[in-house]
Amino acid sequence: MPSTTSPSAPARPDQLRAQLLLVLMSSIWAVNYSVVKFGGQQWHPLAYNAARTALAGVALALLAWRPGTPAVRPADRRALMLRGLVGHGLYQVLFVVGLAQTRAGNAALVASSSPALTALVAALLGVERLRARTAGGIALAGAGIGTLMYGSAAAGQADGGSLQGDIILLLATLSWAWYAVLMKPYADRLTPVQLTTWSLAGGFPALLLLALPSLAATHWNAIAPLAWASVGYGGLAAMVVAMLAWSHGVRVLGPTRTALFGQLQPVIAVLFAWATLGEVPTPWQALGALLVASALLLARR
């Protein structure tokens, strides 16, 4: 991504603020894998996802329609809603369905390939040039995810992983990478609240439509307080606070540099899943994480 700041130059205040917000985002999302995994076990995954997305939508609407907030042009609203079908519709469905079928740690490791996939999509769309180092990083990331999937296939369901779940999560990560690149032109001129609110408005109807049967079958009185708390975290922390931080990062740093902060997630996510869900880290996860981390270091040089 073109930048006016050289690698050796100190970060501008706006860049430093964006980087700090992205560290917060990565921490929130790292914990969110276990939270969503738990929530999807208490509810049907699609019902849980619809509930947390509805909560996020209400919070964002309150922020977006405050007095004095500038309006978004109709053409931009339509464009953001269309992109939201990918970033908040397709991605969210693939994310919760894939996560329900595999380990939370696997989900975080698959998602850590996002920088490589974002760089690949950006190159395919002509937004950024694909350098030789970046291409090498993409290949290494592919090897890392392949290693993780091989481990899931070899273990079967014995360790809680699933090849099918891993593949679905890879498709989710690819859809997110596509969404991130498509959002860049709008991130240059709209606020993070506007970006997130209108893109979520485009994706939520599809999520709700798919979730209607599971919502109708939900026994609301049987949902434990901790399960409701997981909706609050998944909706407010992960889909409002973290998404606003992500949108700000795309605006200031660009999609690929923002995606690089995802490398902070796997270690936190694996350790948190171990502590809360009893998911003991596997050698395949360690090897896959090493390859993906190497890919990120190679791609960012």
C-alpha atoms as a PDB file:
ATOM      1  CA  MET A   1       0.000   0.000   0.000  1.00  0.00           C
ATOM      2  CA  PRO A   2       1.512   3.343  -0.974  1.00  0.00           C
ATOM      3  CA  SER A   3       2.482   5.343   2.082  1.00  0.00           C
ATOM      4  CA  THR A   4       4.076   8.681   2.700  1.00  0.00           C
ATOM      5  CA  THR A   5       5.841   7.257   5.731  1.00  0.00           C
ATOM      6  CA  SER A   6       9.046   5.289   5.159  1.00  0.00           C
ATOM      7  CA  PRO A   7       9.699   2.130   7.236  1.00  0.00           C
ATOM      8  CA  SER A   8      12.306   3.964   9.305  1.00  0.00           C
ATOM      9  CA  ALA A   9      10.294   7.148   9.859  1.00  0.00           C
ATOM     10  CA  PRO A  10       8.340   7.582  13.082  1.00  0.00           C
ATOM     11  CA  ALA A  11       4.603   7.003  12.831  1.00  0.00           C
ATOM     12  CA  ARG A  12       2.406  10.080  12.622  1.00  0.00           C
ATOM     13  CA  PRO A  13       0.004  10.614  15.534  1.00  0.00           C
ATOM     14  CA  ASP A  14      -2.975   9.455  13.447  1.00  0.00           C
ATOM     15  CA  GLN A  15      -1.080   6.303  12.427  1.00  0.00           C
ATOM     16  CA  LEU A  16      -0.031   5.583  16.010  1.00  0.00           C
ATOM     17  CA  ARG A  17      -3.624   5.985  17.186  1.00  0.00           C
ATOM     18  CA  ALA A  18      -4.803   3.650  14.437  1.00  0.00           C
ATOM     19  CA  GLN A  19      -2.184   1.079  15.422  1.00  0.00           C
ATOM     20  CA  LEU A  20      -3.212   1.191  19.092  1.00  0.00           C
ATOM     21  CA  LEU A  21      -6.859   0.763  18.124  1.00  0.00           C
ATOM     22  CA  LEU A  22      -5.920  -2.212  15.951  1.00  0.00           C
ATOM     23  CA  VAL A  23      -4.113  -3.845  18.882  1.00  0.00           C
ATOM     24  CA  LEU A  24      -7.343  -3.451  20.859  1.00  0.00           C
ATOM     25  CA  MET A  25      -9.309  -4.860  17.908  1.00  0.00           C
ATOM     26  CA  SER A  26      -7.059  -7.913  17.660  1.00  0.00           C
ATOM     27  CA  SER A  27      -7.368  -8.598  21.393  1.00  0.00           C
ATOM     28  CA  ILE A  28     -11.161  -8.342  21.276  1.00  0.00           C
ATOM     29  CA  TRP A  29     -11.417 -10.599  18.232  1.00  0.00           C
ATOM     30  CA  ALA A  30      -8.956 -13.123  19.694  1.00  0.00           C
ATOM     31  CA  VAL A  31     -11.231 -13.613  22.707  1.00  0.00           C
ATOM     32  CA  ASN A  32     -14.297 -13.524  20.463  1.00  0.00           C
ATOM     33  CA  TYR A  33     -13.508 -16.913  18.880  1.00  0.00           C
ATOM     34  CA  SER A  34     -14.089 -18.647  22.209  1.00  0.00           C
ATOM     35  CA  VAL A  35     -17.058 -16.417  23.033  1.00  0.00           C
ATOM     36  CA  VAL A  36     -18.808 -17.178  19.720  1.00  0.00           C
ATOM     37  CA  LYS A  37     -17.906 -20.869  20.024  1.00  0.00           C
ATOM     38  CA  PHE A  38     -19.548 -20.916  23.463  1.00  0.00           C
ATOM     39  CA  GLY A  39     -22.566 -18.889  22.310  1.00  0.00           C
ATOM     40  CA  GLY A  40     -23.105 -21.196  19.335  1.00  0.00           C
ATOM     41  CA  GLN A  41     -23.189 -24.155  21.728  1.00  0.00           C
ATOM     42  CA  GLN A  42     -25.921 -22.554  23.859  1.00  0.00           C
ATOM     43  CA  TRP A  43     -28.040 -21.402  20.913  1.00  0.00           C
ATOM     44  CA  HIS A  44     -28.223 -22.535  17.310  1.00  0.00           C
ATOM     45  CA  PRO A  45     -25.223 -20.772  15.709  1.00  0.00           C
ATOM     46  CA  LEU A  46     -27.356 -18.838  13.208  1.00  0.00           C
ATOM     47  CA  ALA A  47     -29.806 -17.731  15.911  1.00  0.00           C
ATOM     48  CA  TYR A  48     -26.946 -16.620  18.130  1.00  0.00           C
ATOM     49  CA  ASN A  49     -25.365 -14.704  15.263  1.00  0.00           C
ATOM     50  CA  ALA A  50     -28.640 -12.960  14.401  1.00  0.00           C
ATOM     51  CA  ALA A  51     -29.074 -11.896  18.034  1.00  0.00           C
ATOM     52  CA  ARG A  52     -25.589 -10.432  18.393  1.00  0.00           C
ATOM     53  CA  THR A  53     -25.802  -8.725  14.997  1.00  0.00           C
ATOM     54  CA  ALA A  54     -29.155  -7.153  15.888  1.00  0.00           C
ATOM     55  CA  LEU A  55     -27.623  -5.798  19.110  1.00  0.00           C
ATOM     56  CA  ALA A  56     -24.690  -4.389  17.163  1.00  0.00           C
ATOM     57  CA  GLY A  57     -27.064  -2.814  14.646  1.00  0.00           C
ATOM     58  CA  VAL A  58     -29.001  -0.983  17.346  1.00  0.00           C
ATOM     59  CA  ALA A  59     -25.803   0.348  18.944  1.00  0.00           C
ATOM     60  CA  LEU A  60     -24.411   1.500  15.599  1.00  0.00           C
ATOM     61  CA  ALA A  61     -27.675   3.157  14.600  1.00  0.00           C
ATOM     62  CA  LEU A  62     -27.619   5.206  17.807  1.00  0.00           C
ATOM     63  CA  LEU A  63     -24.082   6.328  16.979  1.00  0.00           C
ATOM     64  CA  ALA A  64     -24.790   6.997  13.299  1.00  0.00           C
ATOM     65  CA  TRP A  65     -27.898   9.114  13.773  1.00  0.00           C
ATOM     66  CA  ARG A  66     -26.691  11.427  16.492  1.00  0.00           C
ATOM     67  CA  PRO A  67     -27.593  15.106  15.970  1.00  0.00           C
ATOM     68  CA  GLY A  68     -25.038  16.852  13.807  1.00  0.00           C
ATOM     69  CA  THR A  69     -23.759  13.671  12.147  1.00  0.00           C
ATOM     70  CA  PRO A  70     -23.253  14.273   8.395  1.00  0.00           C
ATOM     71  CA  ALA A  71     -25.501  12.283   6.077  1.00  0.00           C
ATOM     72  CA  VAL A  72     -24.176   9.616   3.726  1.00  0.00           C
ATOM     73  CA  ARG A  73     -24.978  10.095   0.047  1.00  0.00           C
ATOM     74  CA  PRO A  74     -27.616   7.677  -1.315  1.00  0.00           C
ATOM     75  CA  ALA A  75     -25.145   6.258  -3.845  1.00  0.00           C
ATOM     76  CA  ASP A  76     -22.634   5.530  -1.067  1.00  0.00           C
ATOM     77  CA  ARG A  77     -25.334   3.952   1.101  1.00  0.00           C
ATOM     78  CA  ARG A  78     -26.297   1.589  -1.704  1.00  0.00           C
ATOM     79  CA  ALA A  79     -22.674   0.702  -2.400  1.00  0.00           C
ATOM     80  CA  LEU A  80     -21.918   0.042   1.280  1.00  0.00           C
ATOM     81  CA  MET A  81     -25.019  -2.119   1.683  1.00  0.00           C
ATOM     82  CA  LEU A  82     -24.042  -4.211  -1.331  1.00  0.00           C
ATOM     83  CA  ARG A  83     -20.575  -4.704   0.115  1.00  0.00           C
ATOM     84  CA  GLY A  84     -22.180  -5.554   3.436  1.00  0.00           C
ATOM     85  CA  LEU A  85     -23.735  -8.615   1.812  1.00  0.00           C
ATOM     86  CA  VAL A  86     -20.174  -9.974   1.621  1.00  0.00           C
ATOM     87  CA  GLY A  87     -18.642  -8.528   4.793  1.00  0.00           C
ATOM     88  CA  HIS A  88     -21.597  -8.931   7.161  1.00  0.00           C
ATOM     89  CA  GLY A  89     -23.790 -11.425   5.337  1.00  0.00           C
ATOM     90  CA  LEU A  90     -21.675 -14.104   3.686  1.00  0.00           C
ATOM     91  CA  TYR A  91     -18.747 -13.710   6.097  1.00  0.00           C
ATOM     92  CA  GLN A  92     -20.810 -13.924   9.279  1.00  0.00           C
ATOM     93  CA  VAL A  93     -22.714 -17.014   8.129  1.00  0.00           C
ATOM     94  CA  LEU A  94     -19.530 -18.818   7.097  1.00  0.00           C
ATOM     95  CA  PHE A  95     -17.792 -17.720  10.307  1.00  0.00           C
ATOM     96  CA  VAL A  96     -20.366 -19.036  12.782  1.00  0.00           C
ATOM     97  CA  VAL A  97     -21.088 -22.219  10.824  1.00  0.00           C
ATOM     98  CA  GLY A  98     -17.382 -23.006  10.425  1.00  0.00           C
ATOM     99  CA  LEU A  99     -16.557 -22.178  14.037  1.00  0.00           C
ATOM    100  CA  ALA A 100     -19.364 -24.452  15.256  1.00  0.00           C
ATOM    101  CA  GLN A 101     -17.607 -27.360  13.529  1.00  0.00           C
ATOM    102  CA  THR A 102     -13.999 -26.861  14.606  1.00  0.00           C
ATOM    103  CA  ARG A 103     -11.772 -25.515  17.384  1.00  0.00           C
ATOM    104  CA  ALA A 104     -11.722 -21.832  18.314  1.00  0.00           C
ATOM    105  CA  GLY A 105      -7.922 -21.926  18.016  1.00  0.00           C
ATOM    106  CA  ASN A 106      -8.178 -23.296  14.476  1.00  0.00           C
ATOM    107  CA  ALA A 107     -10.526 -20.448  13.564  1.00  0.00           C
ATOM    108  CA  ALA A 108      -8.037 -17.855  14.789  1.00  0.00           C
ATOM    109  CA  LEU A 109      -5.168 -19.483  12.908  1.00  0.00           C
ATOM    110  CA  VAL A 110      -7.156 -19.645   9.669  1.00  0.00           C
ATOM    111  CA  ALA A 111      -8.157 -15.996  10.116  1.00  0.00           C
ATOM    112  CA  SER A 112      -4.494 -15.077  10.565  1.00  0.00           C
ATOM    113  CA  SER A 113      -4.048 -15.762   6.845  1.00  0.00           C
ATOM    114  CA  SER A 114      -6.166 -12.656   6.191  1.00  0.00           C
ATOM    115  CA  PRO A 115      -3.171 -10.382   5.374  1.00  0.00           C
ATOM    116  CA  ALA A 116      -1.977 -12.755   2.664  1.00  0.00           C
ATOM    117  CA  LEU A 117      -5.469 -13.164   1.228  1.00  0.00           C
ATOM    118  CA  THR A 118      -6.093  -9.404   1.409  1.00  0.00           C
ATOM    119  CA  ALA A 119      -2.859  -8.723  -0.478  1.00  0.00           C
ATOM    120  CA  LEU A 120      -3.843 -11.315  -3.094  1.00  0.00           C
ATOM    121  CA  VAL A 121      -7.327  -9.838  -3.568  1.00  0.00           C
ATOM    122  CA  ALA A 122      -5.907  -6.294  -3.676  1.00  0.00           C
ATOM    123  CA  ALA A 123      -3.501  -7.372  -6.404  1.00  0.00           C
ATOM    124  CA  LEU A 124      -6.240  -9.121  -8.391  1.00  0.00           C
ATOM    125  CA  LEU A 125      -8.403  -5.995  -8.234  1.00  0.00           C
ATOM    126  CA  GLY A 126      -5.482  -3.716  -9.124  1.00  0.00           C
ATOM    127  CA  VAL A 127      -5.594  -1.848  -5.799  1.00  0.00           C
ATOM    128  CA  GLU A 128      -2.065  -2.808  -4.722  1.00  0.00           C
ATOM    129  CA  ARG A 129       0.915  -4.303  -6.527  1.00  0.00           C
ATOM    130  CA  LEU A 130       1.891  -7.848  -5.620  1.00  0.00           C
ATOM    131  CA  ARG A 131       5.629  -7.847  -4.815  1.00  0.00           C
ATOM    132  CA  ALA A 132       7.787 -10.949  -4.916  1.00  0.00           C
ATOM    133  CA  ARG A 133       8.083 -11.032  -1.109  1.00  0.00           C
ATOM    134  CA  THR A 134       4.328 -10.719  -0.760  1.00  0.00           C
ATOM    135  CA  ALA A 135       3.810 -13.580  -3.205  1.00  0.00           C
ATOM    136  CA  GLY A 136       6.224 -15.671  -1.158  1.00  0.00           C
ATOM    137  CA  GLY A 137       4.314 -14.749   1.989  1.00  0.00           C
ATOM    138  CA  ILE A 138       1.045 -15.841   0.381  1.00  0.00           C
ATOM    139  CA  ALA A 139       2.598 -19.204  -0.508  1.00  0.00           C
ATOM    140  CA  LEU A 140       3.883 -19.676   3.057  1.00  0.00           C
ATOM    141  CA  ALA A 141       0.501 -18.742   4.518  1.00  0.00           C
ATOM    142  CA  GLY A 142      -1.111 -21.303   2.233  1.00  0.00           C
ATOM    143  CA  ALA A 143       1.315 -23.913   3.505  1.00  0.00           C
ATOM    144  CA  GLY A 144       0.479 -22.991   7.097  1.00  0.00           C
ATOM    145  CA  ILE A 145      -3.269 -23.294   6.569  1.00  0.00           C
ATOM    146  CA  GLY A 146      -2.738 -26.514   4.626  1.00  0.00           C
ATOM    147  CA  THR A 147      -0.762 -27.918   7.566  1.00  0.00           C
ATOM    148  CA  LEU A 148      -3.547 -26.991   9.963  1.00  0.00           C
ATOM    149  CA  MET A 149      -6.158 -28.634   7.745  1.00  0.00           C
ATOM    150  CA  TYR A 150      -4.042 -31.764   7.359  1.00  0.00           C
ATOM    151  CA  GLY A 151      -3.878 -31.982  11.146  1.00  0.00           C
ATOM    152  CA  SER A 152      -7.671 -31.646  11.381  1.00  0.00           C
ATOM    153  CA  ALA A 153      -8.181 -34.347   8.760  1.00  0.00           C
ATOM    154  CA  ALA A 154      -5.671 -36.687  10.423  1.00  0.00           C
ATOM    155  CA  ALA A 155      -7.216 -36.287  13.875  1.00  0.00           C
ATOM    156  CA  GLY A 156     -10.807 -36.517  12.683  1.00  0.00           C
ATOM    157  CA  GLN A 157     -13.046 -35.306  15.518  1.00  0.00           C
ATOM    158  CA  ALA A 158     -10.657 -36.587  18.196  1.00  0.00           C
ATOM    159  CA  ASP A 159      -9.250 -33.172  19.134  1.00  0.00           C
ATOM    160  CA  GLY A 160     -12.358 -31.130  18.382  1.00  0.00           C
ATOM    161  CA  GLY A 161     -11.118 -29.964  14.994  1.00  0.00           C
ATOM    162  CA  SER A 162     -12.810 -30.524  11.656  1.00  0.00           C
ATOM    163  CA  LEU A 163     -11.490 -30.279   8.109  1.00  0.00           C
ATOM    164  CA  GLN A 164     -14.909 -29.143   6.918  1.00  0.00           C
ATOM    165  CA  GLY A 165     -15.038 -26.434   9.588  1.00  0.00           C
ATOM    166  CA  ASP A 166     -11.535 -25.249   8.695  1.00  0.00           C
ATOM    167  CA  ILE A 167     -12.441 -25.033   4.991  1.00  0.00           C
ATOM    168  CA  ILE A 168     -15.595 -23.043   5.746  1.00  0.00           C
ATOM    169  CA  LEU A 169     -13.551 -20.643   7.881  1.00  0.00           C
ATOM    170  CA  LEU A 170     -11.013 -20.233   5.068  1.00  0.00           C
ATOM    171  CA  LEU A 171     -13.869 -19.241   2.746  1.00  0.00           C
ATOM    172  CA  ALA A 172     -15.043 -16.804   5.438  1.00  0.00           C
ATOM    173  CA  THR A 173     -11.566 -15.260   5.626  1.00  0.00           C
ATOM    174  CA  LEU A 174     -11.432 -14.949   1.841  1.00  0.00           C
ATOM    175  CA  SER A 175     -14.804 -13.180   1.807  1.00  0.00           C
ATOM    176  CA  TRP A 176     -13.564 -10.803   4.528  1.00  0.00           C
ATOM    177  CA  ALA A 177     -10.421 -10.034   2.523  1.00  0.00           C
ATOM    178  CA  TRP A 178     -12.572  -9.208  -0.506  1.00  0.00           C
ATOM    179  CA  TYR A 179     -14.790  -6.967   1.623  1.00  0.00           C
ATOM    180  CA  ALA A 180     -11.779  -5.166   3.132  1.00  0.00           C
ATOM    181  CA  VAL A 181     -10.377  -4.260  -0.273  1.00  0.00           C
ATOM    182  CA  LEU A 182     -13.755  -3.169  -1.640  1.00  0.00           C
ATOM    183  CA  MET A 183     -14.278  -0.884   1.363  1.00  0.00           C
ATOM    184  CA  LYS A 184     -11.038   1.054   0.951  1.00  0.00           C
ATOM    185  CA  PRO A 185     -12.371   3.793  -1.419  1.00  0.00           C
ATOM    186  CA  TYR A 186     -15.193   4.565   1.011  1.00  0.00           C
ATOM    187  CA  ALA A 187     -12.926   4.440   4.059  1.00  0.00           C
ATOM    188  CA  ASP A 188     -11.023   7.389   2.586  1.00  0.00           C
ATOM    189  CA  ARG A 189     -14.005   9.744   2.875  1.00  0.00           C
ATOM    190  CA  LEU A 190     -16.524   8.279   5.353  1.00  0.00           C
ATOM    191  CA  THR A 191     -16.286   7.742   9.094  1.00  0.00           C
ATOM    192  CA  PRO A 192     -15.864   4.290  10.653  1.00  0.00           C
ATOM    193  CA  VAL A 193     -19.389   4.547  12.133  1.00  0.00           C
ATOM    194  CA  GLN A 194     -20.886   5.304   8.720  1.00  0.00           C
ATOM    195  CA  LEU A 195     -18.951   2.494   7.062  1.00  0.00           C
ATOM    196  CA  THR A 196     -19.906  -0.099   9.645  1.00  0.00           C
ATOM    197  CA  THR A 197     -23.534   0.971  10.055  1.00  0.00           C
ATOM    198  CA  TRP A 198     -24.463   0.972   6.378  1.00  0.00           C
ATOM    199  CA  SER A 199     -22.526  -2.159   5.478  1.00  0.00           C
ATOM    200  CA  LEU A 200     -24.152  -3.970   8.423  1.00  0.00           C
ATOM    201  CA  ALA A 201     -27.547  -2.723   7.223  1.00  0.00           C
ATOM    202  CA  GLY A 202     -26.873  -4.509   3.942  1.00  0.00           C
ATOM    203  CA  GLY A 203     -25.802  -7.801   5.473  1.00  0.00           C
ATOM    204  CA  PHE A 204     -28.265  -8.133   8.351  1.00  0.00           C
ATOM    205  CA  PRO A 205     -31.431  -8.915   6.320  1.00  0.00           C
ATOM    206  CA  ALA A 206     -29.691 -11.928   4.782  1.00  0.00           C
ATOM    207  CA  LEU A 207     -28.507 -13.083   8.212  1.00  0.00           C
ATOM    208  CA  LEU A 208     -31.998 -12.697   9.658  1.00  0.00           C
ATOM    209  CA  LEU A 209     -33.654 -14.565   6.793  1.00  0.00           C
ATOM    210  CA  LEU A 210     -31.327 -17.532   7.215  1.00  0.00           C
ATOM    211  CA  ALA A 211     -31.749 -17.499  10.991  1.00  0.00           C
ATOM    212  CA  LEU A 212     -35.568 -17.322  11.093  1.00  0.00           C
ATOM    213  CA  PRO A 213     -36.139 -21.117  11.440  1.00  0.00           C
ATOM    214  CA  SER A 214     -33.575 -21.439  14.251  1.00  0.00           C
ATOM    215  CA  LEU A 215     -34.890 -18.297  15.976  1.00  0.00           C
ATOM    216  CA  ALA A 216     -38.414 -19.722  15.880  1.00  0.00           C
ATOM    217  CA  ALA A 217     -37.169 -22.977  17.436  1.00  0.00           C
ATOM    218  CA  THR A 218     -35.185 -21.242  20.203  1.00  0.00           C
ATOM    219  CA  HIS A 219     -36.359 -21.817  23.790  1.00  0.00           C
ATOM    220  CA  TRP A 220     -35.741 -18.302  25.053  1.00  0.00           C
ATOM    221  CA  ASN A 221     -36.446 -19.060  28.720  1.00  0.00           C
ATOM    222  CA  ALA A 222     -33.778 -21.766  28.734  1.00  0.00           C
ATOM    223  CA  ILE A 223     -30.935 -19.449  27.720  1.00  0.00           C
ATOM    224  CA  ALA A 224     -28.509 -19.001  30.609  1.00  0.00           C
ATOM    225  CA  PRO A 225     -27.262 -15.543  31.704  1.00  0.00           C
ATOM    226  CA  LEU A 226     -23.724 -16.379  30.553  1.00  0.00           C
ATOM    227  CA  ALA A 227     -25.067 -17.166  27.091  1.00  0.00           C
ATOM    228  CA  TRP A 228     -26.762 -13.754  27.005  1.00  0.00           C
ATOM    229  CA  ALA A 229     -23.466 -12.222  28.109  1.00  0.00           C
ATOM    230  CA  SER A 230     -21.787 -13.871  25.114  1.00  0.00           C
ATOM    231  CA  VAL A 231     -24.328 -12.112  22.883  1.00  0.00           C
ATOM    232  CA  GLY A 232     -23.397  -8.810  24.504  1.00  0.00           C
ATOM    233  CA  TYR A 233     -19.679  -9.359  23.992  1.00  0.00           C
ATOM    234  CA  GLY A 234     -20.088 -10.715  20.460  1.00  0.00           C
ATOM    235  CA  GLY A 235     -22.412  -7.870  19.506  1.00  0.00           C
ATOM    236  CA  LEU A 236     -21.002  -4.815  21.255  1.00  0.00           C
ATOM    237  CA  ALA A 237     -17.290  -5.550  21.710  1.00  0.00           C
ATOM    238  CA  ALA A 238     -16.604  -7.605  18.572  1.00  0.00           C
ATOM    239  CA  MET A 239     -19.054  -6.024  16.119  1.00  0.00           C
ATOM    240  CA  VAL A 240     -19.062  -2.406  17.300  1.00  0.00           C
ATOM    241  CA  VAL A 241     -15.851  -1.486  19.147  1.00  0.00           C
ATOM    242  CA  ALA A 242     -13.554  -3.792  17.160  1.00  0.00           C
ATOM    243  CA  MET A 243     -15.277  -3.117  13.818  1.00  0.00           C
ATOM    244  CA  LEU A 244     -14.976   0.647  14.300  1.00  0.00           C
ATOM    245  CA  ALA A 245     -11.291   0.204  15.112  1.00  0.00           C
ATOM    246  CA  TRP A 246     -10.890  -1.941  11.969  1.00  0.00           C
ATOM    247  CA  SER A 247     -12.662   0.640   9.779  1.00  0.00           C
ATOM    248  CA  HIS A 248     -10.438   3.387  11.175  1.00  0.00           C
ATOM    249  CA  GLY A 249      -7.369   1.251  10.449  1.00  0.00           C
ATOM    250  CA  VAL A 250      -8.416   0.690   6.831  1.00  0.00           C
ATOM    251  CA  ARG A 251      -8.938   4.418   6.464  1.00  0.00           C
ATOM    252  CA  VAL A 252      -5.548   5.430   7.876  1.00  0.00           C
ATOM    253  CA  LEU A 253      -3.263   2.475   7.097  1.00  0.00           C
ATOM    254  CA  GLY A 254      -4.964   0.690   4.191  1.00  0.00           C
ATOM    255  CA  PRO A 255      -6.482  -2.827   4.033  1.00  0.00           C
ATOM    256  CA  THR A 256      -3.268  -4.863   3.858  1.00  0.00           C
ATOM    257  CA  ARG A 257      -1.437  -3.105   6.723  1.00  0.00           C
ATOM    258  CA  THR A 258      -4.612  -3.277   8.809  1.00  0.00           C
ATOM    259  CA  ALA A 259      -4.912  -7.006   8.124  1.00  0.00           C
ATOM    260  CA  LEU A 260      -1.350  -7.521   9.401  1.00  0.00           C
ATOM    261  CA  PHE A 261      -2.557  -6.777  12.918  1.00  0.00           C
ATOM    262  CA  GLY A 262      -4.466 -10.043  12.719  1.00  0.00           C
ATOM    263  CA  GLN A 263      -1.198 -11.827  13.475  1.00  0.00           C
ATOM    264  CA  LEU A 264      -1.686 -10.809  17.105  1.00  0.00           C
ATOM    265  CA  GLN A 265      -4.835 -12.903  17.385  1.00  0.00           C
ATOM    266  CA  PRO A 266      -3.800 -16.583  17.131  1.00  0.00           C
ATOM    267  CA  VAL A 267      -1.617 -16.832  20.248  1.00  0.00           C
ATOM    268  CA  ILE A 268      -4.164 -14.990  22.417  1.00  0.00           C
ATOM    269  CA  ALA A 269      -7.040 -16.974  20.904  1.00  0.00           C
ATOM    270  CA  VAL A 270      -5.375 -20.381  21.354  1.00  0.00           C
ATOM    271  CA  LEU A 271      -4.411 -19.656  24.973  1.00  0.00           C
ATOM    272  CA  PHE A 272      -7.851 -18.264  25.813  1.00  0.00           C
ATOM    273  CA  ALA A 273      -9.588 -21.263  24.201  1.00  0.00           C
ATOM    274  CA  TRP A 274      -7.302 -23.552  26.209  1.00  0.00           C
ATOM    275  CA  ALA A 275      -8.196 -21.772  29.455  1.00  0.00           C
ATOM    276  CA  THR A 276     -11.945 -21.443  28.846  1.00  0.00           C
ATOM    277  CA  LEU A 277     -12.965 -24.246  26.474  1.00  0.00           C
ATOM    278  CA  GLY A 278     -10.314 -26.819  27.359  1.00  0.00           C
ATOM    279  CA  GLU A 279      -8.890 -26.839  23.817  1.00  0.00           C
ATOM    280  CA  VAL A 280      -5.349 -28.131  24.360  1.00  0.00           C
ATOM    281  CA  PRO A 281      -3.004 -26.723  21.656  1.00  0.00           C
ATOM    282  CA  THR A 282      -1.877 -29.300  19.091  1.00  0.00           C
ATOM    283  CA  PRO A 283       1.469 -29.704  17.281  1.00  0.00           C
ATOM    284  CA  TRP A 284      -0.331 -29.080  13.976  1.00  0.00           C
ATOM    285  CA  GLN A 285      -1.582 -25.744  15.280  1.00  0.00           C
ATOM    286  CA  ALA A 286       1.934 -24.808  16.377  1.00  0.00           C
ATOM    287  CA  LEU A 287       3.454 -25.706  12.985  1.00  0.00           C
ATOM    288  CA  GLY A 288       0.672 -23.953  11.075  1.00  0.00           C
ATOM    289  CA  ALA A 289       1.062 -20.848  13.241  1.00  0.00           C
ATOM    290  CA  LEU A 290       4.837 -20.836  12.667  1.00  0.00           C
ATOM    291  CA  LEU A 291       4.383 -20.968   8.884  1.00  0.00           C
ATOM    292  CA  VAL A 292       1.719 -18.245   8.869  1.00  0.00           C
ATOM    293  CA  ALA A 293       3.817 -16.007  11.158  1.00  0.00           C
ATOM    294  CA  SER A 294       6.795 -16.497   8.829  1.00  0.00           C
ATOM    295  CA  ALA A 295       4.584 -15.573   5.904  1.00  0.00           C
ATOM    296  CA  LEU A 296       3.544 -12.331   7.573  1.00  0.00           C
ATOM    297  CA  LEU A 297       7.135 -11.384   8.401  1.00  0.00           C
ATOM    298  CA  LEU A 298       8.184 -12.069   4.812  1.00  0.00           C
ATOM    299  CA  ALA A 299       5.252 -10.205   3.269  1.00  0.00           C
ATOM    300  CA  ARG A 300       5.652  -7.051   5.349  1.00  0.00           C
ATOM    301  CA  ARG A 301       9.357  -6.500   4.557  1.00  0.00           C
END
